[in-house]
Amino acid sequence: MSTFNEREKGFEAKYQHDQESQFKIRSIRNKLVGEWAASLMNPENEESYVKEVRLSDLEKPGDDDVIDKLLGDFESKNLGIKREEIIKKIDECARLAVEKFNKTE
C-alpha cells in the first residue's frame, strides 16, 4: 500500500471519529438543555420531556428546531423566557457537554 493510500485512510478514520464525537457531544448538550428546560417547566414525566427536546434537534440542521420547541413550550407555560436566554443556555450546555465528553474519552 502506498503512503498516499495510508494517509487517505488515516484522514478518513479521523474524519469519522470527529463526526461521531460531535454527534455524541451534541446529544449530551441536548440532554443538558432538556434537563434545564424540564427544571423550569416541571413536566409530568421529566425523562420523556428531555427525550422530546433531544429528538427535536433532528428535525432540521442547526439549533433553530430546539430553540423553537423550547420557546413554544415556555410560552405555553407563560415563563417569559426569551430566545436570547435559550441561546445562552445552549452555549453553556455545549461547553459542559465537551467537558463531560472529554472525561469519558
Protein backbone atom coordinates (compact mmCIF):
# COMPACT_ATOMS: atom_id res chain seq x y z
CA MET A 1 0.00 0.00 0.00
CA SER A 2 1.36 3.41 -0.89
CA THR A 3 1.97 6.14 1.63
CA PHE A 4 -0.75 8.19 -0.06
CA ASN A 5 -3.35 5.45 0.47
CA GLU A 6 -2.32 5.05 4.10
CA ARG A 7 -2.64 8.79 4.69
CA GLU A 8 -6.03 8.83 2.98
CA LYS A 9 -7.29 6.01 5.20
CA GLY A 10 -5.93 7.84 8.23
CA PHE A 11 -7.75 11.04 7.28
CA GLU A 12 -10.98 9.11 6.66
CA ALA A 13 -10.73 7.41 10.05
CA LYS A 14 -10.07 10.74 11.78
CA TYR A 15 -13.00 12.37 9.98
CA GLN A 16 -15.33 9.55 11.01
CA HIS A 17 -14.11 9.74 14.62
CA ASP A 18 -14.59 13.52 14.67
CA GLN A 19 -18.13 13.21 13.31
CA GLU A 20 -19.04 10.60 15.92
CA SER A 21 -17.55 12.77 18.67
CA GLN A 22 -19.52 15.82 17.52
CA PHE A 23 -22.74 13.79 17.46
CA LYS A 24 -22.14 12.50 20.99
CA ILE A 25 -21.29 15.98 22.30
CA ARG A 26 -24.42 17.42 20.71
CA SER A 27 -26.50 14.64 22.25
CA ILE A 28 -25.06 15.36 25.70
CA ARG A 29 -25.68 19.07 25.17
CA ASN A 30 -29.30 18.49 24.19
CA LYS A 31 -29.83 16.32 27.25
CA LEU A 32 -28.49 19.09 29.47
CA VAL A 33 -30.69 21.67 27.74
CA GLY A 34 -33.70 19.39 28.13
CA GLU A 35 -32.97 18.90 31.82
CA TRP A 36 -32.70 22.67 32.29
CA ALA A 37 -35.99 23.26 30.50
CA ALA A 38 -37.67 20.49 32.46
CA SER A 39 -36.50 22.01 35.73
CA LEU A 40 -38.30 25.23 34.76
CA MET A 41 -41.45 23.63 33.40
CA ASN A 42 -41.94 20.71 35.82
CA PRO A 43 -43.47 18.33 33.27
CA GLU A 44 -45.33 15.22 34.43
CA ASN A 45 -42.62 12.96 33.02
CA GLU A 46 -39.24 14.70 33.04
CA GLU A 47 -37.42 11.87 31.27
CA SER A 48 -39.95 11.87 28.44
CA TYR A 49 -39.70 15.65 28.07
CA VAL A 50 -35.90 15.55 27.91
CA LYS A 51 -36.22 12.94 25.17
CA GLU A 52 -38.61 15.23 23.26
CA VAL A 53 -36.05 18.04 23.39
CA ARG A 54 -33.29 15.72 22.19
CA LEU A 55 -35.42 14.45 19.32
CA SER A 56 -36.45 17.95 18.29
CA ASP A 57 -32.82 18.57 17.29
CA LEU A 58 -33.18 16.01 14.49
CA GLU A 59 -35.86 17.97 12.64
CA LYS A 60 -33.59 20.39 10.76
CA PRO A 61 -29.93 21.44 10.73
CA GLY A 62 -28.73 23.91 13.35
CA ASP A 63 -30.24 24.83 16.67
CA ASP A 64 -33.42 26.56 15.49
CA ASP A 65 -35.52 23.42 15.94
CA VAL A 66 -34.54 23.10 19.60
CA ILE A 67 -34.90 26.83 20.21
CA ASP A 68 -38.34 26.91 18.56
CA LYS A 69 -39.53 23.94 20.63
CA LEU A 70 -38.35 25.49 23.88
CA LEU A 71 -39.81 28.89 23.01
CA GLY A 72 -43.19 27.30 22.32
CA ASP A 73 -43.06 25.23 25.49
CA PHE A 74 -42.03 28.20 27.64
CA GLU A 75 -44.72 30.39 26.09
CA SER A 76 -47.36 27.75 26.79
CA LYS A 77 -46.36 27.87 30.48
CA ASN A 78 -46.10 31.70 30.48
CA LEU A 79 -42.49 31.57 31.69
CA GLY A 80 -41.36 34.67 29.78
CA ILE A 81 -38.02 33.19 28.73
CA LYS A 82 -36.61 34.91 25.64
CA ARG A 83 -34.79 33.43 22.65
CA GLU A 84 -31.51 35.03 23.75
CA GLU A 85 -31.66 33.31 27.14
CA ILE A 86 -32.24 29.94 25.45
CA ILE A 87 -29.29 30.52 23.10
CA LYS A 88 -27.10 31.48 26.05
CA LYS A 89 -28.12 28.30 27.90
CA ILE A 90 -27.46 26.16 24.81
CA ASP A 91 -23.96 27.64 24.57
CA GLU A 92 -23.35 26.99 28.27
CA CYS A 93 -24.57 23.40 27.92
CA ALA A 94 -22.36 22.92 24.86
CA ARG A 95 -19.28 23.81 26.93
CA LEU A 96 -20.38 21.43 29.69
CA ALA A 97 -21.02 18.69 27.14
CA VAL A 98 -17.48 19.00 25.77
CA GLU A 99 -16.10 18.71 29.30
CA LYS A 100 -18.24 15.65 30.05
CA PHE A 101 -17.30 14.03 26.76
CA ASN A 102 -13.60 14.65 27.29
CA LYS A 103 -13.78 13.00 30.71
CA THR A 104 -15.23 9.84 29.17
CA GLU A 105 -12.87 9.67 26.19
